[in-house]
């Protein structure tokens, strides 16, 4: 099982350091997805570490026990793509005013700008 290690153990000498700032939520959302990031906010440090270890295993495509930059990029792309599809599904019904499972230009304009028109 992959387990997150202390920051000092993960950083190669001479590598750029990433510093968490109070606005680290963006990083969490990019890495986990918006909904998952919210659920992590409610976990104890031990539970969070355990769940992150399971996620690390899913990210490690070649199962070598290490995460490469490419594996992290691929993971973040998958998470963001999933978020986009989920978001489209959530707002689709707001735009498909006649419920025909298609969004016509008039429906889009009405849903987007209706109160201005």
N, C-alpha and C. Protein backbone atom coordinates (compact mmCIF):
# COMPACT_ATOMS: atom_id res chain seq x y z
N UNK A 1 0.83 -1.19 0.00
CA UNK A 1 0.00 0.00 0.00
C UNK A 1 0.86 1.24 0.00
N UNK A 2 0.57 2.15 -0.87
CA UNK A 2 1.31 3.40 -0.88
C UNK A 2 0.89 4.26 0.30
N UNK A 3 1.85 4.90 0.90
CA UNK A 3 1.55 5.77 2.03
C UNK A 3 2.28 7.08 1.83
N UNK A 4 1.58 8.19 2.06
CA UNK A 4 2.29 9.47 1.97
C UNK A 4 3.42 9.52 2.98
N UNK A 5 4.50 10.10 2.62
CA UNK A 5 5.64 10.21 3.53
C UNK A 5 5.83 11.67 3.91
N UNK A 6 6.68 11.89 4.88
CA UNK A 6 6.95 13.26 5.30
C UNK A 6 7.53 14.04 4.14
N UNK A 7 7.25 15.31 4.09
CA UNK A 7 7.68 16.17 2.98
C UNK A 7 9.18 16.06 2.74
N UNK A 8 10.00 16.03 3.77
CA UNK A 8 11.44 15.98 3.60
C UNK A 8 11.87 14.72 2.85
N UNK A 9 11.16 13.62 3.04
CA UNK A 9 11.52 12.38 2.38
C UNK A 9 11.12 12.37 0.91
N UNK A 10 10.14 13.19 0.54
CA UNK A 10 9.63 13.18 -0.83
C UNK A 10 10.40 14.11 -1.74
N UNK A 11 11.07 15.07 -1.19
CA UNK A 11 11.69 16.12 -2.00
C UNK A 11 13.12 15.74 -2.35
N UNK A 12 13.42 15.81 -3.65
CA UNK A 12 14.79 15.54 -4.08
C UNK A 12 15.65 16.78 -3.82
N UNK A 13 16.92 16.60 -3.52
CA UNK A 13 17.78 17.76 -3.32
C UNK A 13 17.76 18.65 -4.57
N UNK A 14 17.60 19.93 -4.36
CA UNK A 14 17.59 20.88 -5.45
C UNK A 14 16.23 21.05 -6.10
N UNK A 15 15.24 20.25 -5.71
CA UNK A 15 13.90 20.36 -6.29
C UNK A 15 13.19 21.56 -5.68
N UNK A 16 12.30 22.15 -6.46
CA UNK A 16 11.53 23.29 -5.97
C UNK A 16 10.62 22.84 -4.83
N UNK A 17 10.52 23.65 -3.82
CA UNK A 17 9.67 23.36 -2.68
C UNK A 17 8.28 23.92 -2.92
N UNK A 18 7.26 23.16 -2.55
CA UNK A 18 5.88 23.64 -2.60
C UNK A 18 5.48 23.98 -1.17
N UNK A 19 5.06 25.18 -0.97
CA UNK A 19 4.67 25.57 0.38
C UNK A 19 3.17 25.73 0.44
N UNK A 20 2.54 25.04 1.43
CA UNK A 20 1.12 25.22 1.62
C UNK A 20 0.88 26.59 2.22
N UNK A 21 -0.08 27.27 1.66
CA UNK A 21 -0.48 28.56 2.18
C UNK A 21 -1.89 28.41 2.72
N UNK A 22 -2.41 29.40 3.38
CA UNK A 22 -3.78 29.29 3.89
C UNK A 22 -4.80 29.00 2.79
N UNK A 23 -4.50 29.29 1.53
CA UNK A 23 -5.43 29.04 0.44
C UNK A 23 -5.15 27.70 -0.26
N UNK A 24 -4.71 26.69 0.50
CA UNK A 24 -4.36 25.40 -0.06
C UNK A 24 -5.56 24.65 -0.61
N UNK A 25 -6.77 25.13 -0.38
CA UNK A 25 -7.98 24.44 -0.83
C UNK A 25 -7.96 24.20 -2.34
N UNK A 26 -7.40 25.15 -3.10
CA UNK A 26 -7.31 24.98 -4.55
C UNK A 26 -6.51 23.73 -4.89
N UNK A 27 -5.40 23.50 -4.20
CA UNK A 27 -4.58 22.31 -4.43
C UNK A 27 -5.39 21.05 -4.14
N UNK A 28 -6.12 21.07 -3.04
CA UNK A 28 -6.91 19.90 -2.67
C UNK A 28 -7.97 19.61 -3.73
N UNK A 29 -8.62 20.64 -4.22
CA UNK A 29 -9.66 20.45 -5.23
C UNK A 29 -9.06 19.94 -6.54
N UNK A 30 -7.90 20.44 -6.93
CA UNK A 30 -7.26 19.98 -8.16
C UNK A 30 -6.85 18.52 -8.04
N UNK A 31 -6.39 18.14 -6.88
CA UNK A 31 -5.88 16.78 -6.67
C UNK A 31 -7.00 15.78 -6.42
N UNK A 32 -8.01 16.19 -5.66
CA UNK A 32 -9.05 15.26 -5.24
C UNK A 32 -10.38 15.44 -5.95
N UNK A 33 -10.61 16.62 -6.48
CA UNK A 33 -11.93 16.96 -6.99
C UNK A 33 -12.68 17.71 -5.89
N UNK A 34 -13.60 18.55 -6.29
CA UNK A 34 -14.26 19.45 -5.34
C UNK A 34 -15.00 18.70 -4.23
N UNK A 35 -15.79 17.71 -4.61
CA UNK A 35 -16.59 16.98 -3.62
C UNK A 35 -15.69 16.19 -2.67
N UNK A 36 -14.73 15.49 -3.23
CA UNK A 36 -13.82 14.69 -2.40
C UNK A 36 -13.01 15.58 -1.46
N UNK A 37 -12.58 16.74 -1.93
CA UNK A 37 -11.82 17.67 -1.09
C UNK A 37 -12.66 18.09 0.11
N UNK A 38 -13.94 18.33 -0.11
CA UNK A 38 -14.82 18.71 0.99
C UNK A 38 -14.93 17.59 2.02
N UNK A 39 -15.00 16.35 1.54
CA UNK A 39 -15.11 15.23 2.48
C UNK A 39 -13.83 15.08 3.30
N UNK A 40 -12.68 15.38 2.68
CA UNK A 40 -11.40 15.29 3.41
C UNK A 40 -11.31 16.34 4.52
N UNK A 41 -11.97 17.46 4.34
CA UNK A 41 -11.95 18.50 5.37
C UNK A 41 -12.54 18.01 6.68
N UNK A 42 -13.39 17.00 6.61
CA UNK A 42 -14.08 16.50 7.81
C UNK A 42 -13.34 15.36 8.49
N UNK A 43 -12.26 14.88 7.91
CA UNK A 43 -11.55 13.72 8.44
C UNK A 43 -10.49 14.09 9.46
N UNK A 44 -10.20 13.14 10.34
CA UNK A 44 -9.08 13.32 11.26
C UNK A 44 -7.79 13.15 10.45
N UNK A 45 -6.66 13.62 10.97
CA UNK A 45 -5.39 13.44 10.24
C UNK A 45 -5.09 11.98 9.93
N UNK A 46 -5.42 11.07 10.84
CA UNK A 46 -5.15 9.65 10.61
C UNK A 46 -6.01 9.11 9.47
N UNK A 47 -7.30 9.45 9.49
CA UNK A 47 -8.20 9.00 8.42
C UNK A 47 -7.79 9.59 7.08
N UNK A 48 -7.41 10.85 7.10
CA UNK A 48 -6.98 11.53 5.88
C UNK A 48 -5.75 10.84 5.30
N UNK A 49 -4.78 10.53 6.14
CA UNK A 49 -3.55 9.86 5.71
C UNK A 49 -3.87 8.50 5.10
N UNK A 50 -4.77 7.75 5.73
CA UNK A 50 -5.14 6.42 5.23
C UNK A 50 -5.81 6.52 3.86
N UNK A 51 -6.75 7.45 3.72
CA UNK A 51 -7.44 7.60 2.44
C UNK A 51 -6.51 8.12 1.34
N UNK A 52 -5.61 9.03 1.70
CA UNK A 52 -4.64 9.52 0.72
C UNK A 52 -3.73 8.38 0.24
N UNK A 53 -3.37 7.48 1.16
CA UNK A 53 -2.56 6.32 0.79
C UNK A 53 -3.24 5.48 -0.26
N UNK A 54 -4.56 5.29 -0.12
CA UNK A 54 -5.32 4.52 -1.11
C UNK A 54 -5.36 5.26 -2.45
N UNK A 55 -5.48 6.58 -2.39
CA UNK A 55 -5.49 7.36 -3.63
C UNK A 55 -4.14 7.29 -4.31
N UNK A 56 -3.06 7.35 -3.53
CA UNK A 56 -1.71 7.25 -4.10
C UNK A 56 -1.57 5.93 -4.85
N UNK A 57 -2.11 4.85 -4.30
CA UNK A 57 -2.06 3.56 -4.99
C UNK A 57 -2.77 3.64 -6.34
N UNK A 58 -3.88 4.36 -6.40
CA UNK A 58 -4.62 4.49 -7.67
C UNK A 58 -3.86 5.36 -8.67
N UNK A 59 -3.10 6.32 -8.19
CA UNK A 59 -2.36 7.22 -9.07
C UNK A 59 -1.13 6.52 -9.67
N UNK A 60 -0.52 5.63 -8.89
CA UNK A 60 0.71 4.95 -9.29
C UNK A 60 0.43 3.92 -10.38
N UNK A 61 0.34 4.41 -11.62
CA UNK A 61 -0.06 3.57 -12.76
C UNK A 61 0.86 2.37 -12.97
N UNK A 62 2.16 2.55 -12.81
CA UNK A 62 3.08 1.45 -13.08
C UNK A 62 3.39 0.61 -11.83
N UNK A 63 2.75 0.93 -10.73
CA UNK A 63 2.85 0.15 -9.48
C UNK A 63 4.28 -0.01 -8.97
N UNK A 64 5.10 1.03 -9.15
CA UNK A 64 6.48 0.93 -8.67
C UNK A 64 6.67 1.53 -7.28
N UNK A 65 5.58 2.03 -6.68
CA UNK A 65 5.67 2.58 -5.34
C UNK A 65 6.04 4.05 -5.31
N UNK A 66 6.25 4.66 -6.48
CA UNK A 66 6.60 6.07 -6.57
C UNK A 66 5.65 6.77 -7.53
N UNK A 67 5.42 8.05 -7.29
CA UNK A 67 4.61 8.84 -8.21
C UNK A 67 5.50 9.73 -9.04
N UNK A 68 5.31 9.67 -10.34
CA UNK A 68 6.06 10.54 -11.24
C UNK A 68 5.22 11.78 -11.53
N UNK A 69 5.87 12.78 -12.08
CA UNK A 69 5.16 14.00 -12.49
C UNK A 69 4.08 13.65 -13.50
N UNK A 70 4.39 12.74 -14.42
CA UNK A 70 3.42 12.34 -15.45
C UNK A 70 2.21 11.66 -14.83
N UNK A 71 2.44 10.79 -13.84
CA UNK A 71 1.33 10.13 -13.17
C UNK A 71 0.45 11.14 -12.44
N UNK A 72 1.07 12.12 -11.80
CA UNK A 72 0.29 13.17 -11.13
C UNK A 72 -0.49 14.02 -12.12
N UNK A 73 0.14 14.37 -13.24
CA UNK A 73 -0.57 15.14 -14.27
C UNK A 73 -1.78 14.37 -14.78
N UNK A 74 -1.58 13.08 -15.07
CA UNK A 74 -2.67 12.25 -15.57
C UNK A 74 -3.81 12.17 -14.56
N UNK A 75 -3.47 12.02 -13.29
CA UNK A 75 -4.48 11.95 -12.23
C UNK A 75 -5.28 13.25 -12.16
N UNK A 76 -4.58 14.37 -12.16
CA UNK A 76 -5.27 15.66 -12.06
C UNK A 76 -6.17 15.88 -13.28
N UNK A 77 -5.70 15.47 -14.45
CA UNK A 77 -6.55 15.58 -15.65
C UNK A 77 -7.81 14.75 -15.50
N UNK A 78 -7.67 13.52 -14.98
CA UNK A 78 -8.84 12.65 -14.78
C UNK A 78 -9.81 13.27 -13.79
N UNK A 79 -9.29 13.80 -12.69
CA UNK A 79 -10.14 14.41 -11.67
C UNK A 79 -10.87 15.62 -12.25
N UNK A 80 -10.14 16.46 -12.98
CA UNK A 80 -10.76 17.66 -13.55
C UNK A 80 -11.80 17.29 -14.60
N UNK A 81 -11.50 16.29 -15.41
CA UNK A 81 -12.47 15.86 -16.44
C UNK A 81 -13.73 15.34 -15.77
N UNK A 82 -13.57 14.56 -14.72
CA UNK A 82 -14.74 14.04 -13.99
C UNK A 82 -15.56 15.20 -13.42
N UNK A 83 -14.88 16.19 -12.87
CA UNK A 83 -15.56 17.35 -12.31
C UNK A 83 -16.34 18.09 -13.39
N UNK A 84 -15.76 18.24 -14.56
CA UNK A 84 -16.44 18.93 -15.66
C UNK A 84 -17.70 18.18 -16.07
N UNK A 85 -17.60 16.86 -16.24
CA UNK A 85 -18.77 16.07 -16.63
C UNK A 85 -19.86 16.13 -15.56
N UNK A 86 -19.46 16.05 -14.29
CA UNK A 86 -20.45 16.13 -13.22
C UNK A 86 -21.12 17.49 -13.20
N UNK A 87 -20.34 18.54 -13.42
CA UNK A 87 -20.89 19.89 -13.42
C UNK A 87 -21.87 20.09 -14.58
N UNK A 88 -21.52 19.58 -15.74
CA UNK A 88 -22.42 19.69 -16.90
C UNK A 88 -23.73 18.96 -16.60
N UNK A 89 -23.63 17.77 -16.02
CA UNK A 89 -24.85 17.02 -15.71
C UNK A 89 -25.73 17.77 -14.71
N UNK A 90 -25.11 18.46 -13.75
CA UNK A 90 -25.88 19.21 -12.75
C UNK A 90 -26.61 20.40 -13.35
N UNK A 91 -25.97 21.11 -14.26
CA UNK A 91 -26.58 22.33 -14.79
C UNK A 91 -27.39 22.09 -16.06
N UNK A 92 -27.26 20.91 -16.66
CA UNK A 92 -27.97 20.62 -17.91
C UNK A 92 -29.46 20.91 -17.77
N UNK A 93 -30.06 20.44 -16.69
CA UNK A 93 -31.50 20.60 -16.52
C UNK A 93 -31.90 22.07 -16.42
N UNK A 94 -31.00 22.92 -15.94
CA UNK A 94 -31.31 24.35 -15.87
C UNK A 94 -31.35 25.00 -17.25
N UNK A 95 -30.60 24.45 -18.19
CA UNK A 95 -30.54 25.02 -19.53
C UNK A 95 -31.56 24.36 -20.48
N UNK A 96 -31.86 23.09 -20.25
CA UNK A 96 -32.81 22.37 -21.10
C UNK A 96 -34.22 22.67 -20.61
N UNK A 97 -34.70 23.86 -20.93
CA UNK A 97 -35.96 24.35 -20.38
C UNK A 97 -37.17 23.53 -20.82
N UNK A 98 -37.18 23.02 -22.06
CA UNK A 98 -38.33 22.24 -22.52
C UNK A 98 -38.15 20.74 -22.29
N UNK A 99 -37.08 20.35 -21.62
CA UNK A 99 -36.80 18.97 -21.21
C UNK A 99 -36.79 17.97 -22.38
N UNK A 100 -36.23 18.39 -23.52
CA UNK A 100 -36.12 17.49 -24.67
C UNK A 100 -34.72 16.88 -24.78
N UNK A 101 -33.90 17.09 -23.76
CA UNK A 101 -32.53 16.59 -23.68
C UNK A 101 -31.62 17.23 -24.73
N UNK A 102 -32.02 18.41 -25.20
CA UNK A 102 -31.21 19.21 -26.11
C UNK A 102 -31.27 20.64 -25.61
N UNK A 103 -30.21 21.38 -25.85
CA UNK A 103 -30.21 22.79 -25.46
C UNK A 103 -30.14 23.63 -26.72
N UNK A 104 -31.25 24.26 -27.04
CA UNK A 104 -31.31 25.15 -28.20
C UNK A 104 -30.71 26.50 -27.80
N UNK A 105 -30.29 27.27 -28.79
CA UNK A 105 -29.71 28.58 -28.55
C UNK A 105 -30.66 29.47 -27.73
N UNK A 106 -31.93 29.42 -28.05
CA UNK A 106 -32.92 30.23 -27.32
C UNK A 106 -32.99 29.81 -25.85
N UNK A 107 -32.93 28.50 -25.59
CA UNK A 107 -32.94 28.02 -24.20
C UNK A 107 -31.68 28.49 -23.47
N UNK A 108 -30.55 28.40 -24.14
CA UNK A 108 -29.29 28.84 -23.53
C UNK A 108 -29.35 30.32 -23.18
N UNK A 109 -29.79 31.12 -24.14
CA UNK A 109 -29.88 32.57 -23.90
C UNK A 109 -30.84 32.86 -22.74
N UNK A 110 -31.98 32.17 -22.71
CA UNK A 110 -32.95 32.40 -21.66
C UNK A 110 -32.38 32.00 -20.29
N UNK A 111 -31.75 30.84 -20.22
CA UNK A 111 -31.20 30.36 -18.96
C UNK A 111 -30.03 31.22 -18.49
N UNK A 112 -29.24 31.71 -19.43
CA UNK A 112 -28.05 32.49 -19.09
C UNK A 112 -28.36 33.95 -18.85
N UNK A 113 -29.15 34.54 -19.75
CA UNK A 113 -29.37 35.98 -19.73
C UNK A 113 -30.81 36.37 -19.52
N UNK A 114 -31.67 35.41 -19.23
CA UNK A 114 -33.11 35.65 -19.19
C UNK A 114 -33.55 36.86 -18.40
N UNK A 115 -32.98 37.04 -17.24
CA UNK A 115 -33.44 38.18 -16.42
C UNK A 115 -32.96 39.51 -16.97
N UNK A 116 -31.99 39.49 -17.89
CA UNK A 116 -31.55 40.74 -18.54
C UNK A 116 -32.42 41.08 -19.75
N UNK A 117 -32.97 40.04 -20.38
CA UNK A 117 -33.72 40.23 -21.62
C UNK A 117 -35.06 40.78 -21.30
